[in-house]
Amino acid sequence: HHPWDNDEEMVATWKVLEKHAKAGI
């Protein structure tokens, strides 16, 4: 929904969304 001041956490969050995208969810 919006960025925040922690690049590492944002990238980690993106990686989890990628997991769900790869699963077709």
mmCIF file of all heavy atoms, coordinates in Angstrom:
data_MODEL
# 
_entry.id   MODEL 
# 
loop_
_atom_site.group_PDB 
_atom_site.id 
_atom_site.type_symbol 
_atom_site.label_atom_id 
_atom_site.label_alt_id 
_atom_site.label_comp_id 
_atom_site.label_asym_id 
_atom_site.label_entity_id 
_atom_site.label_seq_id 
_atom_site.pdbx_PDB_ins_code 
_atom_site.Cartn_x 
_atom_site.Cartn_y 
_atom_site.Cartn_z 
_atom_site.occupancy 
_atom_site.B_iso_or_equiv 
_atom_site.pdbx_formal_charge 
_atom_site.auth_seq_id 
_atom_site.auth_comp_id 
_atom_site.auth_asym_id 
_atom_site.auth_atom_id 
_atom_site.pdbx_PDB_model_num 
ATOM 1   N N   . HIS A 1 1  ? 0.810  -1.223  0.000  1.00 0.00 ? 1  HIS A N   1 
ATOM 2   C CA  . HIS A 1 1  ? 0.000  0.000   0.000  1.00 0.00 ? 1  HIS A CA  1 
ATOM 3   C C   . HIS A 1 1  ? 0.845  1.275   0.000  1.00 0.00 ? 1  HIS A C   1 
ATOM 4   O O   . HIS A 1 1  ? 0.466  2.274   -0.597 1.00 0.00 ? 1  HIS A O   1 
ATOM 5   C CB  . HIS A 1 1  ? -0.937 0.003   1.212  1.00 0.00 ? 1  HIS A CB  1 
ATOM 6   C CG  . HIS A 1 1  ? -2.127 0.881   1.036  1.00 0.00 ? 1  HIS A CG  1 
ATOM 7   N ND1 . HIS A 1 1  ? -3.300 0.702   1.711  1.00 0.00 ? 1  HIS A ND1 1 
ATOM 8   C CD2 . HIS A 1 1  ? -2.354 1.955   0.246  1.00 0.00 ? 1  HIS A CD2 1 
ATOM 9   C CE1 . HIS A 1 1  ? -4.195 1.613   1.365  1.00 0.00 ? 1  HIS A CE1 1 
ATOM 10  N NE2 . HIS A 1 1  ? -3.628 2.392   0.474  1.00 0.00 ? 1  HIS A NE2 1 
ATOM 11  N N   . HIS A 1 2  ? 1.977  1.249   0.661  1.00 0.00 ? 2  HIS A N   1 
ATOM 12  C CA  . HIS A 1 2  ? 2.837  2.436   0.709  1.00 0.00 ? 2  HIS A CA  1 
ATOM 13  C C   . HIS A 1 2  ? 4.226  2.012   1.159  1.00 0.00 ? 2  HIS A C   1 
ATOM 14  O O   . HIS A 1 2  ? 4.389  1.004   1.871  1.00 0.00 ? 2  HIS A O   1 
ATOM 15  C CB  . HIS A 1 2  ? 2.276  3.488   1.670  1.00 0.00 ? 2  HIS A CB  1 
ATOM 16  C CG  . HIS A 1 2  ? 1.911  2.938   3.023  1.00 0.00 ? 2  HIS A CG  1 
ATOM 17  N ND1 . HIS A 1 2  ? 2.834  2.743   4.016  1.00 0.00 ? 2  HIS A ND1 1 
ATOM 18  C CD2 . HIS A 1 2  ? 0.728  2.506   3.512  1.00 0.00 ? 2  HIS A CD2 1 
ATOM 19  C CE1 . HIS A 1 2  ? 2.244  2.237   5.071  1.00 0.00 ? 2  HIS A CE1 1 
ATOM 20  N NE2 . HIS A 1 2  ? 0.968  2.062   4.795  1.00 0.00 ? 2  HIS A NE2 1 
ATOM 21  N N   . PRO A 1 3  ? 5.250  2.750   0.767  1.00 0.00 ? 3  PRO A N   1 
ATOM 22  C CA  . PRO A 1 3  ? 6.612  2.407   1.189  1.00 0.00 ? 3  PRO A CA  1 
ATOM 23  C C   . PRO A 1 3  ? 6.860  2.874   2.624  1.00 0.00 ? 3  PRO A C   1 
ATOM 24  O O   . PRO A 1 3  ? 6.073  3.632   3.198  1.00 0.00 ? 3  PRO A O   1 
ATOM 25  C CB  . PRO A 1 3  ? 7.481  3.187   0.205  1.00 0.00 ? 3  PRO A CB  1 
ATOM 26  C CG  . PRO A 1 3  ? 6.644  4.380   -0.161 1.00 0.00 ? 3  PRO A CG  1 
ATOM 27  C CD  . PRO A 1 3  ? 5.213  3.903   -0.142 1.00 0.00 ? 3  PRO A CD  1 
ATOM 28  N N   . TRP A 1 4  ? 7.956  2.421   3.194  1.00 0.00 ? 4  TRP A N   1 
ATOM 29  C CA  . TRP A 1 4  ? 8.362  2.874   4.513  1.00 0.00 ? 4  TRP A CA  1 
ATOM 30  C C   . TRP A 1 4  ? 9.882  2.921   4.565  1.00 0.00 ? 4  TRP A C   1 
ATOM 31  O O   . TRP A 1 4  ? 10.563 2.515   3.613  1.00 0.00 ? 4  TRP A O   1 
ATOM 32  C CB  . TRP A 1 4  ? 7.770  2.003   5.620  1.00 0.00 ? 4  TRP A CB  1 
ATOM 33  C CG  . TRP A 1 4  ? 8.160  0.551   5.616  1.00 0.00 ? 4  TRP A CG  1 
ATOM 34  C CD1 . TRP A 1 4  ? 9.138  -0.056  6.364  1.00 0.00 ? 4  TRP A CD1 1 
ATOM 35  C CD2 . TRP A 1 4  ? 7.563  -0.501  4.835  1.00 0.00 ? 4  TRP A CD2 1 
ATOM 36  N NE1 . TRP A 1 4  ? 9.189  -1.400  6.103  1.00 0.00 ? 4  TRP A NE1 1 
ATOM 37  C CE2 . TRP A 1 4  ? 8.234  -1.705  5.178  1.00 0.00 ? 4  TRP A CE2 1 
ATOM 38  C CE3 . TRP A 1 4  ? 6.534  -0.559  3.885  1.00 0.00 ? 4  TRP A CE3 1 
ATOM 39  C CZ2 . TRP A 1 4  ? 7.910  -2.933  4.590  1.00 0.00 ? 4  TRP A CZ2 1 
ATOM 40  C CZ3 . TRP A 1 4  ? 6.214  -1.776  3.309  1.00 0.00 ? 4  TRP A CZ3 1 
ATOM 41  C CH2 . TRP A 1 4  ? 6.898  -2.950  3.662  1.00 0.00 ? 4  TRP A CH2 1 
ATOM 42  N N   . ASP A 1 5  ? 10.411 3.386   5.672  1.00 0.00 ? 5  ASP A N   1 
ATOM 43  C CA  . ASP A 1 5  ? 11.838 3.692   5.747  1.00 0.00 ? 5  ASP A CA  1 
ATOM 44  C C   . ASP A 1 5  ? 12.643 2.484   6.219  1.00 0.00 ? 5  ASP A C   1 
ATOM 45  O O   . ASP A 1 5  ? 13.319 2.527   7.253  1.00 0.00 ? 5  ASP A O   1 
ATOM 46  C CB  . ASP A 1 5  ? 12.064 4.879   6.695  1.00 0.00 ? 5  ASP A CB  1 
ATOM 47  C CG  . ASP A 1 5  ? 13.486 5.403   6.634  1.00 0.00 ? 5  ASP A CG  1 
ATOM 48  O OD1 . ASP A 1 5  ? 14.158 5.136   5.622  1.00 0.00 ? 5  ASP A OD1 1 
ATOM 49  O OD2 . ASP A 1 5  ? 13.912 6.065   7.600  1.00 0.00 ? 5  ASP A OD2 1 
ATOM 50  N N   . ASN A 1 6  ? 12.547 1.389   5.459  1.00 0.00 ? 6  ASN A N   1 
ATOM 51  C CA  . ASN A 1 6  ? 13.375 0.216   5.753  1.00 0.00 ? 6  ASN A CA  1 
ATOM 52  C C   . ASN A 1 6  ? 13.459 -0.613  4.477  1.00 0.00 ? 6  ASN A C   1 
ATOM 53  O O   . ASN A 1 6  ? 12.586 -1.435  4.192  1.00 0.00 ? 6  ASN A O   1 
ATOM 54  C CB  . ASN A 1 6  ? 12.779 -0.600  6.903  1.00 0.00 ? 6  ASN A CB  1 
ATOM 55  C CG  . ASN A 1 6  ? 13.704 -1.704  7.373  1.00 0.00 ? 6  ASN A CG  1 
ATOM 56  O OD1 . ASN A 1 6  ? 14.312 -2.411  6.563  1.00 0.00 ? 6  ASN A OD1 1 
ATOM 57  N ND2 . ASN A 1 6  ? 13.816 -1.877  8.688  1.00 0.00 ? 6  ASN A ND2 1 
ATOM 58  N N   . ASP A 1 7  ? 14.522 -0.380  3.720  1.00 0.00 ? 7  ASP A N   1 
ATOM 59  C CA  . ASP A 1 7  ? 14.652 -1.029  2.415  1.00 0.00 ? 7  ASP A CA  1 
ATOM 60  C C   . ASP A 1 7  ? 14.653 -2.546  2.532  1.00 0.00 ? 7  ASP A C   1 
ATOM 61  O O   . ASP A 1 7  ? 14.029 -3.253  1.725  1.00 0.00 ? 7  ASP A O   1 
ATOM 62  C CB  . ASP A 1 7  ? 15.931 -0.569  1.722  1.00 0.00 ? 7  ASP A CB  1 
ATOM 63  C CG  . ASP A 1 7  ? 15.864 0.875   1.264  1.00 0.00 ? 7  ASP A CG  1 
ATOM 64  O OD1 . ASP A 1 7  ? 14.791 1.489   1.423  1.00 0.00 ? 7  ASP A OD1 1 
ATOM 65  O OD2 . ASP A 1 7  ? 16.883 1.393   0.763  1.00 0.00 ? 7  ASP A OD2 1 
ATOM 66  N N   . GLU A 1 8  ? 15.364 -3.059  3.531  1.00 0.00 ? 8  GLU A N   1 
ATOM 67  C CA  . GLU A 1 8  ? 15.470 -4.508  3.693  1.00 0.00 ? 8  GLU A CA  1 
ATOM 68  C C   . GLU A 1 8  ? 14.101 -5.144  3.932  1.00 0.00 ? 8  GLU A C   1 
ATOM 69  O O   . GLU A 1 8  ? 13.770 -6.181  3.340  1.00 0.00 ? 8  GLU A O   1 
ATOM 70  C CB  . GLU A 1 8  ? 16.411 -4.831  4.848  1.00 0.00 ? 8  GLU A CB  1 
ATOM 71  C CG  . GLU A 1 8  ? 16.673 -6.315  5.032  1.00 0.00 ? 8  GLU A CG  1 
ATOM 72  C CD  . GLU A 1 8  ? 17.650 -6.602  6.147  1.00 0.00 ? 8  GLU A CD  1 
ATOM 73  O OE1 . GLU A 1 8  ? 18.344 -5.668  6.594  1.00 0.00 ? 8  GLU A OE1 1 
ATOM 74  O OE2 . GLU A 1 8  ? 17.719 -7.772  6.585  1.00 0.00 ? 8  GLU A OE2 1 
ATOM 75  N N   . GLU A 1 9  ? 13.282 -4.511  4.772  1.00 0.00 ? 9  GLU A N   1 
ATOM 76  C CA  . GLU A 1 9  ? 11.950 -5.041  5.056  1.00 0.00 ? 9  GLU A CA  1 
ATOM 77  C C   . GLU A 1 9  ? 11.050 -4.974  3.820  1.00 0.00 ? 9  GLU A C   1 
ATOM 78  O O   . GLU A 1 9  ? 10.254 -5.891  3.569  1.00 0.00 ? 9  GLU A O   1 
ATOM 79  C CB  . GLU A 1 9  ? 11.306 -4.285  6.209  1.00 0.00 ? 9  GLU A CB  1 
ATOM 80  C CG  . GLU A 1 9  ? 11.869 -4.640  7.574  1.00 0.00 ? 9  GLU A CG  1 
ATOM 81  C CD  . GLU A 1 9  ? 11.130 -3.935  8.688  1.00 0.00 ? 9  GLU A CD  1 
ATOM 82  O OE1 . GLU A 1 9  ? 10.147 -3.206  8.406  1.00 0.00 ? 9  GLU A OE1 1 
ATOM 83  O OE2 . GLU A 1 9  ? 11.538 -4.106  9.856  1.00 0.00 ? 9  GLU A OE2 1 
ATOM 84  N N   . MET A 1 10 ? 11.155 -3.886  3.049  1.00 0.00 ? 10 MET A N   1 
ATOM 85  C CA  . MET A 1 10 ? 10.324 -3.769  1.850  1.00 0.00 ? 10 MET A CA  1 
ATOM 86  C C   . MET A 1 10 ? 10.668 -4.851  0.836  1.00 0.00 ? 10 MET A C   1 
ATOM 87  O O   . MET A 1 10 ? 9.788  -5.457  0.231  1.00 0.00 ? 10 MET A O   1 
ATOM 88  C CB  . MET A 1 10 ? 10.464 -2.374  1.228  1.00 0.00 ? 10 MET A CB  1 
ATOM 89  C CG  . MET A 1 10 ? 9.681  -1.304  1.966  1.00 0.00 ? 10 MET A CG  1 
ATOM 90  S SD  . MET A 1 10 ? 9.506  0.220   1.016  1.00 0.00 ? 10 MET A SD  1 
ATOM 91  C CE  . MET A 1 10 ? 11.204 0.785   0.923  1.00 0.00 ? 10 MET A CE  1 
ATOM 92  N N   . VAL A 1 11 ? 11.959 -5.099  0.655  1.00 0.00 ? 11 VAL A N   1 
ATOM 93  C CA  . VAL A 1 11 ? 12.382 -6.148  -0.280 1.00 0.00 ? 11 VAL A CA  1 
ATOM 94  C C   . VAL A 1 11 ? 11.912 -7.515  0.227  1.00 0.00 ? 11 VAL A C   1 
ATOM 95  O O   . VAL A 1 11 ? 11.419 -8.344  -0.554 1.00 0.00 ? 11 VAL A O   1 
ATOM 96  C CB  . VAL A 1 11 ? 13.908 -6.127  -0.480 1.00 0.00 ? 11 VAL A CB  1 
ATOM 97  C CG1 . VAL A 1 11 ? 14.366 -7.360  -1.245 1.00 0.00 ? 11 VAL A CG1 1 
ATOM 98  C CG2 . VAL A 1 11 ? 14.325 -4.854  -1.214 1.00 0.00 ? 11 VAL A CG2 1 
ATOM 99  N N   . ALA A 1 12 ? 12.028 -7.752  1.540  1.00 0.00 ? 12 ALA A N   1 
ATOM 100 C CA  . ALA A 1 12 ? 11.578 -9.030  2.108  1.00 0.00 ? 12 ALA A CA  1 
ATOM 101 C C   . ALA A 1 12 ? 10.078 -9.201  1.913  1.00 0.00 ? 12 ALA A C   1 
ATOM 102 O O   . ALA A 1 12 ? 9.605  -10.310 1.602  1.00 0.00 ? 12 ALA A O   1 
ATOM 103 C CB  . ALA A 1 12 ? 11.946 -9.093  3.585  1.00 0.00 ? 12 ALA A CB  1 
ATOM 104 N N   . THR A 1 13 ? 9.320  -8.136  2.088  1.00 0.00 ? 13 THR A N   1 
ATOM 105 C CA  . THR A 1 13 ? 7.875  -8.193  1.874  1.00 0.00 ? 13 THR A CA  1 
ATOM 106 C C   . THR A 1 13 ? 7.566  -8.533  0.421  1.00 0.00 ? 13 THR A C   1 
ATOM 107 O O   . THR A 1 13 ? 6.699  -9.364  0.124  1.00 0.00 ? 13 THR A O   1 
ATOM 108 C CB  . THR A 1 13 ? 7.220  -6.845  2.265  1.00 0.00 ? 13 THR A CB  1 
ATOM 109 O OG1 . THR A 1 13 ? 7.445  -6.603  3.653  1.00 0.00 ? 13 THR A OG1 1 
ATOM 110 C CG2 . THR A 1 13 ? 5.722  -6.851  1.976  1.00 0.00 ? 13 THR A CG2 1 
ATOM 111 N N   . TRP A 1 14 ? 8.298  -7.898  -0.490 1.00 0.00 ? 14 TRP A N   1 
ATOM 112 C CA  . TRP A 1 14 ? 8.092  -8.172  -1.911 1.00 0.00 ? 14 TRP A CA  1 
ATOM 113 C C   . TRP A 1 14 ? 8.356  -9.639  -2.227 1.00 0.00 ? 14 TRP A C   1 
ATOM 114 O O   . TRP A 1 14 ? 7.620  -10.254 -2.998 1.00 0.00 ? 14 TRP A O   1 
ATOM 115 C CB  . TRP A 1 14 ? 8.977  -7.268  -2.769 1.00 0.00 ? 14 TRP A CB  1 
ATOM 116 C CG  . TRP A 1 14 ? 8.706  -7.452  -4.227 1.00 0.00 ? 14 TRP A CG  1 
ATOM 117 C CD1 . TRP A 1 14 ? 9.455  -8.146  -5.135 1.00 0.00 ? 14 TRP A CD1 1 
ATOM 118 C CD2 . TRP A 1 14 ? 7.563  -6.994  -4.941 1.00 0.00 ? 14 TRP A CD2 1 
ATOM 119 N NE1 . TRP A 1 14 ? 8.858  -8.134  -6.368 1.00 0.00 ? 14 TRP A NE1 1 
ATOM 120 C CE2 . TRP A 1 14 ? 7.685  -7.427  -6.280 1.00 0.00 ? 14 TRP A CE2 1 
ATOM 121 C CE3 . TRP A 1 14 ? 6.445  -6.240  -4.574 1.00 0.00 ? 14 TRP A CE3 1 
ATOM 122 C CZ2 . TRP A 1 14 ? 6.730  -7.138  -7.251 1.00 0.00 ? 14 TRP A CZ2 1 
ATOM 123 C CZ3 . TRP A 1 14 ? 5.496  -5.941  -5.543 1.00 0.00 ? 14 TRP A CZ3 1 
ATOM 124 C CH2 . TRP A 1 14 ? 5.639  -6.400  -6.865 1.00 0.00 ? 14 TRP A CH2 1 
ATOM 125 N N   . LYS A 1 15 ? 9.376  -10.204 -1.629 1.00 0.00 ? 15 LYS A N   1 
ATOM 126 C CA  . LYS A 1 15 ? 9.715  -11.604 -1.884 1.00 0.00 ? 15 LYS A CA  1 
ATOM 127 C C   . LYS A 1 15 ? 8.579  -12.538 -1.456 1.00 0.00 ? 15 LYS A C   1 
ATOM 128 O O   . LYS A 1 15 ? 8.309  -13.561 -2.115 1.00 0.00 ? 15 LYS A O   1 
ATOM 129 C CB  . LYS A 1 15 ? 11.007 -11.982 -1.152 1.00 0.00 ? 15 LYS A CB  1 
ATOM 130 C CG  . LYS A 1 15 ? 12.257 -11.269 -1.652 1.00 0.00 ? 15 LYS A CG  1 
ATOM 131 C CD  . LYS A 1 15 ? 12.554 -11.614 -3.109 1.00 0.00 ? 15 LYS A CD  1 
ATOM 132 C CE  . LYS A 1 15 ? 13.833 -10.964 -3.594 1.00 0.00 ? 15 LYS A CE  1 
ATOM 133 N NZ  . LYS A 1 15 ? 14.076 -11.243 -5.037 1.00 0.00 ? 15 LYS A NZ  1 
ATOM 134 N N   . VAL A 1 16 ? 7.892  -12.204 -0.361 1.00 0.00 ? 16 VAL A N   1 
ATOM 135 C CA  . VAL A 1 16 ? 6.763  -13.034 0.078  1.00 0.00 ? 16 VAL A CA  1 
ATOM 136 C C   . VAL A 1 16 ? 5.600  -12.908 -0.909 1.00 0.00 ? 16 VAL A C   1 
ATOM 137 O O   . VAL A 1 16 ? 4.943  -13.903 -1.244 1.00 0.00 ? 16 VAL A O   1 
ATOM 138 C CB  . VAL A 1 16 ? 6.313  -12.664 1.503  1.00 0.00 ? 16 VAL A CB  1 
ATOM 139 C CG1 . VAL A 1 16 ? 5.132  -13.544 1.929  1.00 0.00 ? 16 VAL A CG1 1 
ATOM 140 C CG2 . VAL A 1 16 ? 7.462  -12.822 2.487  1.00 0.00 ? 16 VAL A CG2 1 
ATOM 141 N N   . LEU A 1 17 ? 5.355  -11.699 -1.408 1.00 0.00 ? 17 LEU A N   1 
ATOM 142 C CA  . LEU A 1 17 ? 4.296  -11.538 -2.408 1.00 0.00 ? 17 LEU A CA  1 
ATOM 143 C C   . LEU A 1 17 ? 4.656  -12.293 -3.691 1.00 0.00 ? 17 LEU A C   1 
ATOM 144 O O   . LEU A 1 17 ? 3.777  -12.878 -4.335 1.00 0.00 ? 17 LEU A O   1 
ATOM 145 C CB  . LEU A 1 17 ? 4.073  -10.054 -2.715 1.00 0.00 ? 17 LEU A CB  1 
ATOM 146 C CG  . LEU A 1 17 ? 3.554  -9.186  -1.557 1.00 0.00 ? 17 LEU A CG  1 
ATOM 147 C CD1 . LEU A 1 17 ? 3.173  -7.792  -2.073 1.00 0.00 ? 17 LEU A CD1 1 
ATOM 148 C CD2 . LEU A 1 17 ? 2.381  -9.819  -0.845 1.00 0.00 ? 17 LEU A CD2 1 
ATOM 149 N N   . GLU A 1 18 ? 5.938  -12.312 -4.036 1.00 0.00 ? 18 GLU A N   1 
ATOM 150 C CA  . GLU A 1 18 ? 6.365  -13.104 -5.198 1.00 0.00 ? 18 GLU A CA  1 
ATOM 151 C C   . GLU A 1 18 ? 6.036  -14.583 -4.994 1.00 0.00 ? 18 GLU A C   1 
ATOM 152 O O   . GLU A 1 18 ? 5.610  -15.275 -5.932 1.00 0.00 ? 18 GLU A O   1 
ATOM 153 C CB  . GLU A 1 18 ? 7.866  -12.932 -5.431 1.00 0.00 ? 18 GLU A CB  1 
ATOM 154 C CG  . GLU A 1 18 ? 8.253  -11.582 -5.996 1.00 0.00 ? 18 GLU A CG  1 
ATOM 155 C CD  . GLU A 1 18 ? 9.738  -11.487 -6.303 1.00 0.00 ? 18 GLU A CD  1 
ATOM 156 O OE1 . GLU A 1 18 ? 10.533 -12.172 -5.613 1.00 0.00 ? 18 GLU A OE1 1 
ATOM 157 O OE2 . GLU A 1 18 ? 10.109 -10.753 -7.232 1.00 0.00 ? 18 GLU A OE2 1 
ATOM 158 N N   . LYS A 1 19 ? 6.231  -15.080 -3.787 1.00 0.00 ? 19 LYS A N   1 
ATOM 159 C CA  . LYS A 1 19 ? 5.914  -16.484 -3.487 1.00 0.00 ? 19 LYS A CA  1 
ATOM 160 C C   . LYS A 1 19 ? 4.447  -16.776 -3.786 1.00 0.00 ? 19 LYS A C   1 
ATOM 161 O O   . LYS A 1 19 ? 4.113  -17.789 -4.426 1.00 0.00 ? 19 LYS A O   1 
ATOM 162 C CB  . LYS A 1 19 ? 6.220  -16.775 -2.017 1.00 0.00 ? 19 LYS A CB  1 
ATOM 163 C CG  . LYS A 1 19 ? 5.859  -18.185 -1.564 1.00 0.00 ? 19 LYS A CG  1 
ATOM 164 C CD  . LYS A 1 19 ? 5.966  -18.355 -0.055 1.00 0.00 ? 19 LYS A CD  1 
ATOM 165 C CE  . LYS A 1 19 ? 4.834  -17.664 0.676  1.00 0.00 ? 19 LYS A CE  1 
ATOM 166 N NZ  . LYS A 1 19 ? 4.838  -17.963 2.129  1.00 0.00 ? 19 LYS A NZ  1 
ATOM 167 N N   . HIS A 1 20 ? 3.567  -15.888 -3.357 1.00 0.00 ? 20 HIS A N   1 
ATOM 168 C CA  . HIS A 1 20 ? 2.130  -16.097 -3.585 1.00 0.00 ? 20 HIS A CA  1 
ATOM 169 C C   . HIS A 1 20 ? 1.771  -15.916 -5.061 1.00 0.00 ? 20 HIS A C   1 
ATOM 170 O O   . HIS A 1 20 ? 0.850  -16.566 -5.564 1.00 0.00 ? 20 HIS A O   1 
ATOM 171 C CB  . HIS A 1 20 ? 1.319  -15.142 -2.707 1.00 0.00 ? 20 HIS A CB  1 
ATOM 172 C CG  . HIS A 1 20 ? 1.376  -15.482 -1.253 1.00 0.00 ? 20 HIS A CG  1 
ATOM 173 N ND1 . HIS A 1 20 ? 0.799  -16.620 -0.737 1.00 0.00 ? 20 HIS A ND1 1 
ATOM 174 C CD2 . HIS A 1 20 ? 1.935  -14.837 -0.198 1.00 0.00 ? 20 HIS A CD2 1 
ATOM 175 C CE1 . HIS A 1 20 ? 0.999  -16.662 0.578  1.00 0.00 ? 20 HIS A CE1 1 
ATOM 176 N NE2 . HIS A 1 20 ? 1.697  -15.594 0.916  1.00 0.00 ? 20 HIS A NE2 1 
ATOM 177 N N   . ALA A 1 21 ? 2.516  -15.045 -5.740 1.00 0.00 ? 21 ALA A N   1 
ATOM 178 C CA  . ALA A 1 21 ? 2.276  -14.880 -7.176 1.00 0.00 ? 21 ALA A CA  1 
ATOM 179 C C   . ALA A 1 21 ? 2.675  -16.145 -7.930 1.00 0.00 ? 21 ALA A C   1 
ATOM 180 O O   . ALA A 1 21 ? 1.966  -16.601 -8.836 1.00 0.00 ? 21 ALA A O   1 
ATOM 181 C CB  . ALA A 1 21 ? 3.051  -13.672 -7.696 1.00 0.00 ? 21 ALA A CB  1 
ATOM 182 N N   . LYS A 1 22 ? 3.792  -16.732 -7.561 1.00 0.00 ? 22 LYS A N   1 
ATOM 183 C CA  . LYS A 1 22 ? 4.242  -17.957 -8.209 1.00 0.00 ? 22 LYS A CA  1 
ATOM 184 C C   . LYS A 1 22 ? 3.273  -19.116 -7.957 1.00 0.00 ? 22 LYS A C   1 
ATOM 185 O O   . LYS A 1 22 ? 3.137  -20.013 -8.787 1.00 0.00 ? 22 LYS A O   1 
ATOM 186 C CB  . LYS A 1 22 ? 5.644  -18.314 -7.724 1.00 0.00 ? 22 LYS A CB  1 
ATOM 187 C CG  . LYS A 1 22 ? 6.721  -17.364 -8.232 1.00 0.00 ? 22 LYS A CG  1 
ATOM 188 C CD  . LYS A 1 22 ? 8.059  -17.613 -7.561 1.00 0.00 ? 22 LYS A CD  1 
ATOM 189 C CE  . LYS A 1 22 ? 9.091  -16.596 -8.028 1.00 0.00 ? 22 LYS A CE  1 
ATOM 190 N NZ  . LYS A 1 22 ? 10.380 -16.736 -7.303 1.00 0.00 ? 22 LYS A NZ  1 
ATOM 191 N N   . ALA A 1 23 ? 2.585  -19.070 -6.817 1.00 0.00 ? 23 ALA A N   1 
ATOM 192 C CA  . ALA A 1 23 ? 1.597  -20.105 -6.477 1.00 0.00 ? 23 ALA A CA  1 
ATOM 193 C C   . ALA A 1 23 ? 0.255  -19.864 -7.152 1.00 0.00 ? 23 ALA A C   1 
ATOM 194 O O   . ALA A 1 23 ? -0.638 -20.714 -7.070 1.00 0.00 ? 23 ALA A O   1 
ATOM 195 C CB  . ALA A 1 23 ? 1.420  -20.180 -4.966 1.00 0.00 ? 23 ALA A CB  1 
ATOM 196 N N   . GLY A 1 24 ? 0.091  -18.703 -7.811 1.00 0.00 ? 24 GLY A N   1 
ATOM 197 C CA  . GLY A 1 24 ? -1.163 -18.398 -8.493 1.00 0.00 ? 24 GLY A CA  1 
ATOM 198 C C   . GLY A 1 24 ? -2.235 -17.822 -7.600 1.00 0.00 ? 24 GLY A C   1 
ATOM 199 O O   . GLY A 1 24 ? -3.364 -17.586 -8.051 1.00 0.00 ? 24 GLY A O   1 
ATOM 200 N N   . ILE A 1 25 ? -1.913 -17.550 -6.350 1.00 0.00 ? 25 ILE A N   1 
ATOM 201 C CA  . ILE A 1 25 ? -2.891 -16.981 -5.414 1.00 0.00 ? 25 ILE A CA  1 
ATOM 202 C C   . ILE A 1 25 ? -3.067 -15.489 -5.685 1.00 0.00 ? 25 ILE A C   1 
ATOM 203 O O   . ILE A 1 25 ? -4.183 -14.967 -5.636 1.00 0.00 ? 25 ILE A O   1 
ATOM 204 C CB  . ILE A 1 25 ? -2.437 -17.225 -3.966 1.00 0.00 ? 25 ILE A CB  1 
ATOM 205 C CG1 . ILE A 1 25 ? -2.435 -18.727 -3.663 1.00 0.00 ? 25 ILE A CG1 1 
ATOM 206 C CG2 . ILE A 1 25 ? -3.330 -16.481 -2.977 1.00 0.00 ? 25 ILE A CG2 1 
ATOM 207 C CD1 . ILE A 1 25 ? -1.752 -19.080 -2.357 1.00 0.00 ? 25 ILE A CD1 1 
# 
